[in-house]
Every structure is written in C-alpha cells, then in structure tokens.
All heavy atoms as atom14 arrays in JSON, in Angstrom:
{
  "sequence": "MDRVFNNADSFAMAFDDAWKQSLRSDTSRSLSIEERTKVILETRIQEH",
  "atom14_mask": [
    [1, 1, 1, 1, 1, 1, 1, 1, 0, 0, 0, 0, 0, 0],
    [1, 1, 1, 1, 1, 1, 1, 1, 0, 0, 0, 0, 0, 0],
    [1, 1, 1, 1, 1, 1, 1, 1, 1, 1, 1, 0, 0, 0],
    [1, 1, 1, 1, 1, 1, 1, 0, 0, 0, 0, 0, 0, 0],
    [1, 1, 1, 1, 1, 1, 1, 1, 1, 1, 1, 0, 0, 0],
    [1, 1, 1, 1, 1, 1, 1, 1, 0, 0, 0, 0, 0, 0],
    [1, 1, 1, 1, 1, 1, 1, 1, 0, 0, 0, 0, 0, 0],
    [1, 1, 1, 1, 1, 0, 0, 0, 0, 0, 0, 0, 0, 0],
    [1, 1, 1, 1, 1, 1, 1, 1, 0, 0, 0, 0, 0, 0],
    [1, 1, 1, 1, 1, 1, 0, 0, 0, 0, 0, 0, 0, 0],
    [1, 1, 1, 1, 1, 1, 1, 1, 1, 1, 1, 0, 0, 0],
    [1, 1, 1, 1, 1, 0, 0, 0, 0, 0, 0, 0, 0, 0],
    [1, 1, 1, 1, 1, 1, 1, 1, 0, 0, 0, 0, 0, 0],
    [1, 1, 1, 1, 1, 0, 0, 0, 0, 0, 0, 0, 0, 0],
    [1, 1, 1, 1, 1, 1, 1, 1, 1, 1, 1, 0, 0, 0],
    [1, 1, 1, 1, 1, 1, 1, 1, 0, 0, 0, 0, 0, 0],
    [1, 1, 1, 1, 1, 1, 1, 1, 0, 0, 0, 0, 0, 0],
    [1, 1, 1, 1, 1, 0, 0, 0, 0, 0, 0, 0, 0, 0],
    [1, 1, 1, 1, 1, 1, 1, 1, 1, 1, 1, 1, 1, 1],
    [1, 1, 1, 1, 1, 1, 1, 1, 1, 0, 0, 0, 0, 0],
    [1, 1, 1, 1, 1, 1, 1, 1, 1, 0, 0, 0, 0, 0],
    [1, 1, 1, 1, 1, 1, 0, 0, 0, 0, 0, 0, 0, 0],
    [1, 1, 1, 1, 1, 1, 1, 1, 0, 0, 0, 0, 0, 0],
    [1, 1, 1, 1, 1, 1, 1, 1, 1, 1, 1, 0, 0, 0],
    [1, 1, 1, 1, 1, 1, 0, 0, 0, 0, 0, 0, 0, 0],
    [1, 1, 1, 1, 1, 1, 1, 1, 0, 0, 0, 0, 0, 0],
    [1, 1, 1, 1, 1, 1, 1, 0, 0, 0, 0, 0, 0, 0],
    [1, 1, 1, 1, 1, 1, 0, 0, 0, 0, 0, 0, 0, 0],
    [1, 1, 1, 1, 1, 1, 1, 1, 1, 1, 1, 0, 0, 0],
    [1, 1, 1, 1, 1, 1, 0, 0, 0, 0, 0, 0, 0, 0],
    [1, 1, 1, 1, 1, 1, 1, 1, 0, 0, 0, 0, 0, 0],
    [1, 1, 1, 1, 1, 1, 0, 0, 0, 0, 0, 0, 0, 0],
    [1, 1, 1, 1, 1, 1, 1, 1, 0, 0, 0, 0, 0, 0],
    [1, 1, 1, 1, 1, 1, 1, 1, 1, 0, 0, 0, 0, 0],
    [1, 1, 1, 1, 1, 1, 1, 1, 1, 0, 0, 0, 0, 0],
    [1, 1, 1, 1, 1, 1, 1, 1, 1, 1, 1, 0, 0, 0],
    [1, 1, 1, 1, 1, 1, 1, 0, 0, 0, 0, 0, 0, 0],
    [1, 1, 1, 1, 1, 1, 1, 1, 1, 0, 0, 0, 0, 0],
    [1, 1, 1, 1, 1, 1, 1, 0, 0, 0, 0, 0, 0, 0],
    [1, 1, 1, 1, 1, 1, 1, 1, 0, 0, 0, 0, 0, 0],
    [1, 1, 1, 1, 1, 1, 1, 1, 0, 0, 0, 0, 0, 0],
    [1, 1, 1, 1, 1, 1, 1, 1, 1, 0, 0, 0, 0, 0],
    [1, 1, 1, 1, 1, 1, 1, 0, 0, 0, 0, 0, 0, 0],
    [1, 1, 1, 1, 1, 1, 1, 1, 1, 1, 1, 0, 0, 0],
    [1, 1, 1, 1, 1, 1, 1, 1, 0, 0, 0, 0, 0, 0],
    [1, 1, 1, 1, 1, 1, 1, 1, 1, 0, 0, 0, 0, 0],
    [1, 1, 1, 1, 1, 1, 1, 1, 1, 0, 0, 0, 0, 0],
    [1, 1, 1, 1, 1, 1, 1, 1, 1, 1, 0, 0, 0, 0]
  ],
  "atom14_positions": [
    [[-5.19, 93.07, 185.85], [-4.61, 92.49, 184.67], [-3.96, 93.64, 183.89], [-4.63, 94.52, 183.39], [-5.74, 91.81, 183.9], [-5.35, 91.07, 182.74], [-6.67, 90.05, 182.0], [-8.18, 90.75, 182.52], [0.0, 0.0, 0.0], [0.0, 0.0, 0.0], [0.0, 0.0, 0.0], [0.0, 0.0, 0.0], [0.0, 0.0, 0.0], [0.0, 0.0, 0.0]],
    [[-2.65, 93.63, 183.78], [-1.93, 94.72, 183.15], [-1.97, 94.62, 181.63], [-2.41, 95.52, 180.95], [-0.49, 94.74, 183.62], [-0.38, 95.09, 185.09], [-1.37, 94.96, 185.81], [0.7, 95.49, 185.5], [0.0, 0.0, 0.0], [0.0, 0.0, 0.0], [0.0, 0.0, 0.0], [0.0, 0.0, 0.0], [0.0, 0.0, 0.0], [0.0, 0.0, 0.0]],
    [[-1.47, 93.52, 181.1], [-1.42, 93.35, 179.65], [-2.22, 92.11, 179.28], [-2.14, 91.09, 179.93], [0.02, 93.19, 179.2], [0.82, 94.48, 179.46], [2.19, 94.39, 178.96], [2.14, 94.39, 177.49], [3.2, 94.23, 176.73], [4.37, 94.05, 177.28], [3.09, 94.23, 175.42], [0.0, 0.0, 0.0], [0.0, 0.0, 0.0], [0.0, 0.0, 0.0]],
    [[-2.96, 92.25, 178.2], [-3.84, 91.18, 177.76], [-3.5, 90.85, 176.31], [-3.36, 91.74, 175.49], [-5.32, 91.61, 177.87], [-6.23, 90.5, 177.41], [-5.65, 92.02, 179.29], [0.0, 0.0, 0.0], [0.0, 0.0, 0.0], [0.0, 0.0, 0.0], [0.0, 0.0, 0.0], [0.0, 0.0, 0.0], [0.0, 0.0, 0.0], [0.0, 0.0, 0.0]],
    [[-3.39, 89.56, 176.03], [-3.09, 89.11, 174.68], [-4.18, 88.18, 174.19], [-4.85, 87.52, 174.99], [-1.74, 88.39, 174.65], [-0.6, 89.27, 175.07], [-0.14, 89.24, 176.38], [0.0, 90.13, 174.17], [0.91, 90.06, 176.78], [1.05, 90.96, 174.56], [1.5, 90.92, 175.87], [0.0, 0.0, 0.0], [0.0, 0.0, 0.0], [0.0, 0.0, 0.0]],
    [[-4.32, 88.09, 172.9], [-5.33, 87.23, 172.3], [-4.78, 85.82, 172.14], [-4.56, 85.34, 171.04], [-5.79, 87.8, 170.95], [-6.9, 87.0, 170.34], [-7.55, 86.2, 171.0], [-7.13, 87.2, 169.06], [0.0, 0.0, 0.0], [0.0, 0.0, 0.0], [0.0, 0.0, 0.0], [0.0, 0.0, 0.0], [0.0, 0.0, 0.0], [0.0, 0.0, 0.0]],
    [[-4.54, 85.18, 173.28], [-4.09, 83.78, 173.24], [-4.56, 83.06, 174.5], [-5.0, 83.66, 175.47], [-2.56, 83.69, 173.07], [-1.79, 84.31, 174.2], [-2.08, 84.07, 175.37], [-0.79, 85.1, 173.87], [0.0, 0.0, 0.0], [0.0, 0.0, 0.0], [0.0, 0.0, 0.0], [0.0, 0.0, 0.0], [0.0, 0.0, 0.0], [0.0, 0.0, 0.0]],
    [[-4.46, 81.74, 174.44], [-4.98, 80.91, 175.53], [-4.21, 81.12, 176.84], [-4.8, 81.06, 177.92], [-4.94, 79.44, 175.13], [0.0, 0.0, 0.0], [0.0, 0.0, 0.0], [0.0, 0.0, 0.0], [0.0, 0.0, 0.0], [0.0, 0.0, 0.0], [0.0, 0.0, 0.0], [0.0, 0.0, 0.0], [0.0, 0.0, 0.0], [0.0, 0.0, 0.0]],
    [[-2.91, 81.36, 176.75], [-2.13, 81.56, 177.98], [-2.57, 82.81, 178.73], [-2.74, 82.79, 179.95], [-0.63, 81.64, 177.66], [-0.06, 80.32, 177.23], [-0.6, 79.27, 177.62], [0.96, 80.33, 176.5], [0.0, 0.0, 0.0], [0.0, 0.0, 0.0], [0.0, 0.0, 0.0], [0.0, 0.0, 0.0], [0.0, 0.0, 0.0], [0.0, 0.0, 0.0]],
    [[-2.75, 83.89, 178.0], [-3.2, 85.13, 178.61], [-4.59, 84.95, 179.21], [-4.88, 85.41, 180.32], [-3.21, 86.25, 177.57], [-3.73, 87.43, 178.12], [0.0, 0.0, 0.0], [0.0, 0.0, 0.0], [0.0, 0.0, 0.0], [0.0, 0.0, 0.0], [0.0, 0.0, 0.0], [0.0, 0.0, 0.0], [0.0, 0.0, 0.0], [0.0, 0.0, 0.0]],
    [[-5.45, 84.26, 178.48], [-6.79, 83.99, 178.99], [-6.74, 83.14, 180.26], [-7.45, 83.42, 181.22], [-7.65, 83.3, 177.92], [-8.98, 82.88, 178.45], [-10.01, 83.81, 178.59], [-9.21, 81.58, 178.84], [-11.24, 83.43, 179.11], [-10.43, 81.19, 179.35], [-11.45, 82.11, 179.48], [0.0, 0.0, 0.0], [0.0, 0.0, 0.0], [0.0, 0.0, 0.0]],
    [[-5.91, 82.11, 180.25], [-5.81, 81.23, 181.42], [-5.38, 82.01, 182.65], [-5.93, 81.81, 183.74], [-4.84, 80.09, 181.14], [0.0, 0.0, 0.0], [0.0, 0.0, 0.0], [0.0, 0.0, 0.0], [0.0, 0.0, 0.0], [0.0, 0.0, 0.0], [0.0, 0.0, 0.0], [0.0, 0.0, 0.0], [0.0, 0.0, 0.0], [0.0, 0.0, 0.0]],
    [[-4.42, 82.9, 182.49], [-3.97, 83.7, 183.64], [-5.09, 84.61, 184.14], [-5.31, 84.74, 185.35], [-2.73, 84.51, 183.26], [-1.52, 83.65, 183.01], [0.06, 84.48, 182.68], [-0.35, 85.99, 181.93], [0.0, 0.0, 0.0], [0.0, 0.0, 0.0], [0.0, 0.0, 0.0], [0.0, 0.0, 0.0], [0.0, 0.0, 0.0], [0.0, 0.0, 0.0]],
    [[-5.82, 85.23, 183.21], [-6.93, 86.11, 183.6], [-8.02, 85.3, 184.28], [-8.6, 85.74, 185.29], [-7.48, 86.83, 182.37], [0.0, 0.0, 0.0], [0.0, 0.0, 0.0], [0.0, 0.0, 0.0], [0.0, 0.0, 0.0], [0.0, 0.0, 0.0], [0.0, 0.0, 0.0], [0.0, 0.0, 0.0], [0.0, 0.0, 0.0], [0.0, 0.0, 0.0]],
    [[-8.31, 84.12, 183.75], [-9.35, 83.27, 184.34], [-8.94, 82.83, 185.75], [-9.75, 82.88, 186.67], [-9.64, 82.06, 183.46], [-10.69, 81.17, 184.04], [-12.03, 81.49, 183.9], [-10.35, 80.04, 184.76], [-13.01, 80.69, 184.47], [-11.32, 79.23, 185.32], [-12.66, 79.56, 185.17], [0.0, 0.0, 0.0], [0.0, 0.0, 0.0], [0.0, 0.0, 0.0]],
    [[-7.7, 82.39, 185.9], [-7.23, 81.95, 187.22], [-7.39, 83.06, 188.24], [-7.87, 82.83, 189.37], [-5.77, 81.52, 187.16], [-5.55, 80.23, 186.4], [-6.53, 79.62, 185.92], [-4.37, 79.83, 186.26], [0.0, 0.0, 0.0], [0.0, 0.0, 0.0], [0.0, 0.0, 0.0], [0.0, 0.0, 0.0], [0.0, 0.0, 0.0], [0.0, 0.0, 0.0]],
    [[-6.98, 84.27, 187.88], [-7.1, 85.4, 188.81], [-8.56, 85.68, 189.15], [-8.9, 85.89, 190.31], [-6.47, 86.66, 188.21], [-4.95, 86.6, 188.16], [-4.35, 85.75, 188.86], [-4.37, 87.41, 187.4], [0.0, 0.0, 0.0], [0.0, 0.0, 0.0], [0.0, 0.0, 0.0], [0.0, 0.0, 0.0], [0.0, 0.0, 0.0], [0.0, 0.0, 0.0]],
    [[-9.42, 85.68, 188.14], [-10.84, 85.95, 188.37], [-11.47, 84.85, 189.23], [-12.3, 85.13, 190.09], [-11.57, 86.07, 187.03], [0.0, 0.0, 0.0], [0.0, 0.0, 0.0], [0.0, 0.0, 0.0], [0.0, 0.0, 0.0], [0.0, 0.0, 0.0], [0.0, 0.0, 0.0], [0.0, 0.0, 0.0], [0.0, 0.0, 0.0], [0.0, 0.0, 0.0]],
    [[-11.06, 83.61, 189.0], [-11.6, 82.5, 189.79], [-11.2, 82.65, 191.26], [-12.03, 82.51, 192.15], [-11.08, 81.17, 189.24], [-11.69, 79.99, 189.92], [-11.23, 79.36, 191.05], [-12.88, 79.31, 189.55], [-12.07, 78.33, 191.39], [-13.09, 78.28, 190.48], [-13.79, 79.47, 188.51], [-14.18, 77.41, 190.4], [-14.87, 78.6, 188.44], [-15.05, 77.59, 189.38]],
    [[-9.94, 82.93, 191.49], [-9.46, 83.09, 192.87], [-10.15, 84.26, 193.56], [-10.49, 84.17, 194.74], [-7.95, 83.25, 192.88], [-7.25, 81.94, 192.51], [-5.76, 82.12, 192.33], [-5.15, 80.83, 191.8], [-3.76, 81.0, 191.4], [0.0, 0.0, 0.0], [0.0, 0.0, 0.0], [0.0, 0.0, 0.0], [0.0, 0.0, 0.0], [0.0, 0.0, 0.0]],
    [[-10.37, 85.34, 192.83], [-11.1, 86.48, 193.41], [-12.53, 86.08, 193.74], [-13.07, 86.49, 194.76], [-11.1, 87.66, 192.45], [-9.77, 88.35, 192.33], [-9.79, 89.44, 191.27], [-10.81, 89.75, 190.68], [-8.64, 90.04, 191.03], [0.0, 0.0, 0.0], [0.0, 0.0, 0.0], [0.0, 0.0, 0.0], [0.0, 0.0, 0.0], [0.0, 0.0, 0.0]],
    [[-13.15, 85.28, 192.88], [-14.53, 84.86, 193.12], [-14.63, 83.99, 194.36], [-15.66, 84.0, 195.04], [-15.1, 84.13, 191.91], [-14.67, 82.79, 191.84], [0.0, 0.0, 0.0], [0.0, 0.0, 0.0], [0.0, 0.0, 0.0], [0.0, 0.0, 0.0], [0.0, 0.0, 0.0], [0.0, 0.0, 0.0], [0.0, 0.0, 0.0], [0.0, 0.0, 0.0]],
    [[-13.6, 83.23, 194.66], [-13.62, 82.37, 195.85], [-13.62, 83.19, 197.13], [-14.06, 82.72, 198.17], [-12.42, 81.42, 195.84], [-12.45, 80.32, 194.78], [-11.17, 79.51, 194.85], [-13.66, 79.43, 194.93], [0.0, 0.0, 0.0], [0.0, 0.0, 0.0], [0.0, 0.0, 0.0], [0.0, 0.0, 0.0], [0.0, 0.0, 0.0], [0.0, 0.0, 0.0]],
    [[-13.14, 84.41, 197.06], [-13.13, 85.29, 198.23], [-14.46, 86.01, 198.42], [-14.67, 86.67, 199.42], [-11.99, 86.3, 198.11], [-10.61, 85.65, 198.22], [-9.51, 86.68, 198.34], [-9.24, 87.36, 197.1], [-8.34, 86.97, 196.18], [-7.62, 85.89, 196.4], [-8.16, 87.66, 195.08], [0.0, 0.0, 0.0], [0.0, 0.0, 0.0], [0.0, 0.0, 0.0]],
    [[-15.34, 85.87, 197.45], [-16.65, 86.52, 197.49], [-17.67, 85.6, 198.15], [-17.81, 84.44, 197.76], [-17.1, 86.86, 196.07], [-18.45, 87.2, 196.06], [0.0, 0.0, 0.0], [0.0, 0.0, 0.0], [0.0, 0.0, 0.0], [0.0, 0.0, 0.0], [0.0, 0.0, 0.0], [0.0, 0.0, 0.0], [0.0, 0.0, 0.0], [0.0, 0.0, 0.0]],
    [[-18.38, 86.11, 199.12], [-19.39, 85.31, 199.81], [-20.49, 84.86, 198.86], [-20.98, 83.74, 198.95], [-20.0, 86.08, 200.97], [-19.03, 86.23, 202.13], [-18.1, 85.4, 202.24], [-19.19, 87.17, 202.91], [0.0, 0.0, 0.0], [0.0, 0.0, 0.0], [0.0, 0.0, 0.0], [0.0, 0.0, 0.0], [0.0, 0.0, 0.0], [0.0, 0.0, 0.0]],
    [[-20.9, 85.71, 197.95], [-21.99, 85.35, 197.04], [-21.57, 84.28, 196.05], [-22.37, 83.44, 195.66], [-22.49, 86.59, 196.26], [-21.39, 87.17, 195.56], [-23.1, 87.61, 197.18], [0.0, 0.0, 0.0], [0.0, 0.0, 0.0], [0.0, 0.0, 0.0], [0.0, 0.0, 0.0], [0.0, 0.0, 0.0], [0.0, 0.0, 0.0], [0.0, 0.0, 0.0]],
    [[-20.32, 84.27, 195.67], [-19.84, 83.3, 194.69], [-19.65, 81.92, 195.29], [-19.75, 80.92, 194.58], [-18.52, 83.79, 194.09], [-18.16, 83.0, 193.01], [0.0, 0.0, 0.0], [0.0, 0.0, 0.0], [0.0, 0.0, 0.0], [0.0, 0.0, 0.0], [0.0, 0.0, 0.0], [0.0, 0.0, 0.0], [0.0, 0.0, 0.0], [0.0, 0.0, 0.0]],
    [[-19.41, 81.83, 196.56], [-19.18, 80.53, 197.21], [-20.39, 79.61, 197.12], [-20.23, 78.39, 197.11], [-18.79, 80.73, 198.66], [-17.4, 81.27, 198.83], [-17.04, 81.34, 200.27], [-15.77, 82.03, 200.41], [-15.24, 82.37, 201.54], [-15.87, 82.09, 202.67], [-14.08, 82.97, 201.59], [0.0, 0.0, 0.0], [0.0, 0.0, 0.0], [0.0, 0.0, 0.0]],
    [[-21.56, 80.18, 197.06], [-22.76, 79.36, 197.02], [-23.1, 78.87, 195.62], [-23.99, 78.04, 195.45], [-23.95, 80.15, 197.58], [-24.21, 81.27, 196.77], [0.0, 0.0, 0.0], [0.0, 0.0, 0.0], [0.0, 0.0, 0.0], [0.0, 0.0, 0.0], [0.0, 0.0, 0.0], [0.0, 0.0, 0.0], [0.0, 0.0, 0.0], [0.0, 0.0, 0.0]],
    [[-22.38, 79.33, 194.63], [-22.64, 78.93, 193.24], [-21.97, 77.6, 192.92], [-20.93, 77.27, 193.47], [-22.11, 79.99, 192.27], [-22.7, 81.38, 192.36], [-21.98, 82.31, 191.39], [-24.19, 81.36, 192.1], [0.0, 0.0, 0.0], [0.0, 0.0, 0.0], [0.0, 0.0, 0.0], [0.0, 0.0, 0.0], [0.0, 0.0, 0.0], [0.0, 0.0, 0.0]],
    [[-22.58, 76.87, 192.01], [-21.94, 75.66, 191.5], [-20.74, 76.06, 190.64], [-20.6, 77.24, 190.26], [-22.93, 74.85, 190.65], [-23.2, 75.54, 189.44], [0.0, 0.0, 0.0], [0.0, 0.0, 0.0], [0.0, 0.0, 0.0], [0.0, 0.0, 0.0], [0.0, 0.0, 0.0], [0.0, 0.0, 0.0], [0.0, 0.0, 0.0], [0.0, 0.0, 0.0]],
    [[-19.9, 75.11, 190.33], [-18.74, 75.4, 189.47], [-19.21, 75.94, 188.13], [-18.65, 76.92, 187.61], [-17.87, 74.14, 189.29], [-17.21, 73.79, 190.61], [-16.83, 74.34, 188.2], [-16.5, 72.45, 190.61], [0.0, 0.0, 0.0], [0.0, 0.0, 0.0], [0.0, 0.0, 0.0], [0.0, 0.0, 0.0], [0.0, 0.0, 0.0], [0.0, 0.0, 0.0]],
    [[-20.24, 75.33, 187.57], [-20.78, 75.77, 186.28], [-21.29, 77.21, 186.35], [-20.99, 78.03, 185.48], [-21.92, 74.83, 185.85], [-22.51, 75.15, 184.52], [-21.59, 74.87, 183.36], [-20.72, 73.99, 183.46], [-21.75, 75.54, 182.32], [0.0, 0.0, 0.0], [0.0, 0.0, 0.0], [0.0, 0.0, 0.0], [0.0, 0.0, 0.0], [0.0, 0.0, 0.0]],
    [[-22.03, 77.52, 187.4], [-22.56, 78.87, 187.57], [-21.45, 79.88, 187.79], [-21.48, 80.98, 187.22], [-23.54, 78.91, 188.75], [-24.82, 78.13, 188.52], [-25.63, 77.99, 189.79], [-25.04, 77.83, 190.89], [-26.86, 78.01, 189.68], [0.0, 0.0, 0.0], [0.0, 0.0, 0.0], [0.0, 0.0, 0.0], [0.0, 0.0, 0.0], [0.0, 0.0, 0.0]],
    [[-20.48, 79.54, 188.62], [-19.37, 80.45, 188.9], [-18.57, 80.71, 187.63], [-18.19, 81.85, 187.35], [-18.47, 79.86, 189.98], [-17.42, 80.86, 190.44], [-16.52, 80.29, 191.5], [-17.27, 79.68, 192.58], [-16.81, 78.69, 193.33], [-15.61, 78.21, 193.13], [-17.54, 78.18, 194.28], [0.0, 0.0, 0.0], [0.0, 0.0, 0.0], [0.0, 0.0, 0.0]],
    [[-18.34, 79.67, 186.84], [-17.61, 79.85, 185.59], [-18.37, 80.8, 184.67], [-17.78, 81.71, 184.07], [-17.4, 78.49, 184.89], [-16.67, 77.64, 185.78], [-16.63, 78.65, 183.6], [0.0, 0.0, 0.0], [0.0, 0.0, 0.0], [0.0, 0.0, 0.0], [0.0, 0.0, 0.0], [0.0, 0.0, 0.0], [0.0, 0.0, 0.0], [0.0, 0.0, 0.0]],
    [[-19.66, 80.61, 184.56], [-20.48, 81.47, 183.71], [-20.41, 82.92, 184.16], [-20.25, 83.83, 183.34], [-21.93, 80.98, 183.72], [-22.84, 81.75, 182.83], [-24.24, 81.19, 182.84], [-25.14, 82.05, 181.95], [-26.5, 81.6, 181.93], [0.0, 0.0, 0.0], [0.0, 0.0, 0.0], [0.0, 0.0, 0.0], [0.0, 0.0, 0.0], [0.0, 0.0, 0.0]],
    [[-20.52, 83.16, 185.46], [-20.45, 84.52, 185.99], [-19.1, 85.15, 185.66], [-19.02, 86.31, 185.23], [-20.71, 84.53, 187.51], [-20.34, 85.87, 188.13], [-22.16, 84.19, 187.8], [0.0, 0.0, 0.0], [0.0, 0.0, 0.0], [0.0, 0.0, 0.0], [0.0, 0.0, 0.0], [0.0, 0.0, 0.0], [0.0, 0.0, 0.0], [0.0, 0.0, 0.0]],
    [[-18.04, 84.39, 185.85], [-16.7, 84.92, 185.57], [-16.56, 85.27, 184.1], [-16.08, 86.36, 183.75], [-15.62, 83.91, 186.0], [-15.55, 83.86, 187.53], [-14.26, 84.28, 185.41], [-14.72, 82.73, 188.08], [0.0, 0.0, 0.0], [0.0, 0.0, 0.0], [0.0, 0.0, 0.0], [0.0, 0.0, 0.0], [0.0, 0.0, 0.0], [0.0, 0.0, 0.0]],
    [[-17.0, 84.38, 183.23], [-16.86, 84.63, 181.79], [-17.74, 85.79, 181.33], [-17.35, 86.54, 180.43], [-17.2, 83.37, 181.0], [-16.27, 82.17, 181.21], [-16.76, 80.99, 180.39], [-14.83, 82.5, 180.86], [0.0, 0.0, 0.0], [0.0, 0.0, 0.0], [0.0, 0.0, 0.0], [0.0, 0.0, 0.0], [0.0, 0.0, 0.0], [0.0, 0.0, 0.0]],
    [[-18.88, 85.96, 181.94], [-19.82, 86.98, 181.49], [-19.65, 88.34, 182.17], [-20.1, 89.34, 181.63], [-21.26, 86.5, 181.7], [-21.63, 85.35, 180.79], [-23.04, 84.83, 181.02], [-23.73, 85.31, 181.94], [-23.44, 83.92, 180.27], [0.0, 0.0, 0.0], [0.0, 0.0, 0.0], [0.0, 0.0, 0.0], [0.0, 0.0, 0.0], [0.0, 0.0, 0.0]],
    [[-18.99, 88.37, 183.34], [-18.91, 89.64, 184.04], [-17.5, 90.08, 184.41], [-17.24, 91.28, 184.5], [-19.75, 89.61, 185.34], [-19.2, 88.64, 186.24], [-21.2, 89.28, 185.05], [0.0, 0.0, 0.0], [0.0, 0.0, 0.0], [0.0, 0.0, 0.0], [0.0, 0.0, 0.0], [0.0, 0.0, 0.0], [0.0, 0.0, 0.0], [0.0, 0.0, 0.0]],
    [[-16.6, 89.16, 184.64], [-15.28, 89.56, 185.12], [-14.23, 89.66, 184.02], [-13.33, 90.5, 184.11], [-14.79, 88.61, 186.21], [-15.64, 88.69, 187.46], [-15.1, 87.76, 188.52], [-15.96, 87.78, 189.68], [-15.53, 88.08, 190.9], [-14.27, 88.35, 191.12], [-16.37, 88.08, 191.9], [0.0, 0.0, 0.0], [0.0, 0.0, 0.0], [0.0, 0.0, 0.0]],
    [[-14.31, 88.78, 183.04], [-13.3, 88.81, 181.97], [-13.96, 88.81, 180.6], [-13.37, 88.37, 179.61], [-12.28, 87.66, 182.1], [-12.98, 86.3, 182.12], [-11.41, 87.84, 183.32], [-12.01, 85.12, 182.12], [0.0, 0.0, 0.0], [0.0, 0.0, 0.0], [0.0, 0.0, 0.0], [0.0, 0.0, 0.0], [0.0, 0.0, 0.0], [0.0, 0.0, 0.0]],
    [[-15.17, 89.34, 180.52], [-15.94, 89.33, 179.29], [-15.28, 90.08, 178.14], [-15.58, 89.82, 176.98], [-17.36, 89.86, 179.53], [-17.45, 91.36, 179.73], [-17.18, 91.81, 181.15], [-16.72, 91.04, 181.99], [-17.45, 93.06, 181.43], [0.0, 0.0, 0.0], [0.0, 0.0, 0.0], [0.0, 0.0, 0.0], [0.0, 0.0, 0.0], [0.0, 0.0, 0.0]],
    [[-14.36, 90.98, 178.43], [-13.69, 91.75, 177.38], [-12.36, 91.15, 176.94], [-11.66, 91.74, 176.11], [-13.46, 93.19, 177.86], [-14.75, 93.95, 178.16], [-15.63, 94.13, 176.93], [-15.07, 94.37, 175.85], [-16.86, 94.02, 177.06], [0.0, 0.0, 0.0], [0.0, 0.0, 0.0], [0.0, 0.0, 0.0], [0.0, 0.0, 0.0], [0.0, 0.0, 0.0]],
    [[-12.0, 90.01, 177.49], [-10.71, 89.4, 177.11], [-10.77, 89.02, 175.63], [-11.72, 88.38, 175.19], [-10.42, 88.17, 177.97], [-8.99, 87.75, 177.86], [-8.51, 87.06, 176.76], [-7.94, 87.95, 178.69], [-7.22, 86.85, 176.92], [-6.85, 87.38, 178.09], [0.0, 0.0, 0.0], [0.0, 0.0, 0.0], [0.0, 0.0, 0.0], [0.0, 0.0, 0.0]]
  ]
}
C-alpha cells in the first residue's frame, strides 16, 4: 500500500488487498468470514 488516506475508499482498497492476500494463506482459508475479517482488521491493516 503506497499511499493511505483517511477515507472509506482508501480503506476499501487496503481491505480488498489484505483480503485477497489472506485467501492465498493456508492458515486463513480455514477461518470463517467473521474470523478472517477480524484478523485482517487487527493485524494486516490495523494502522489504517
């Protein structure tokens, strides 16, 4: 993620990228949607 802005569009792009990356992870595939979302928000884009 090169540039980050404090708006929903920037967040959506960051979330989409993090979600797609999580789908490539073997450990993330076994998580429910709710669990995967929580992991992404708490560990991958927590500083957005």
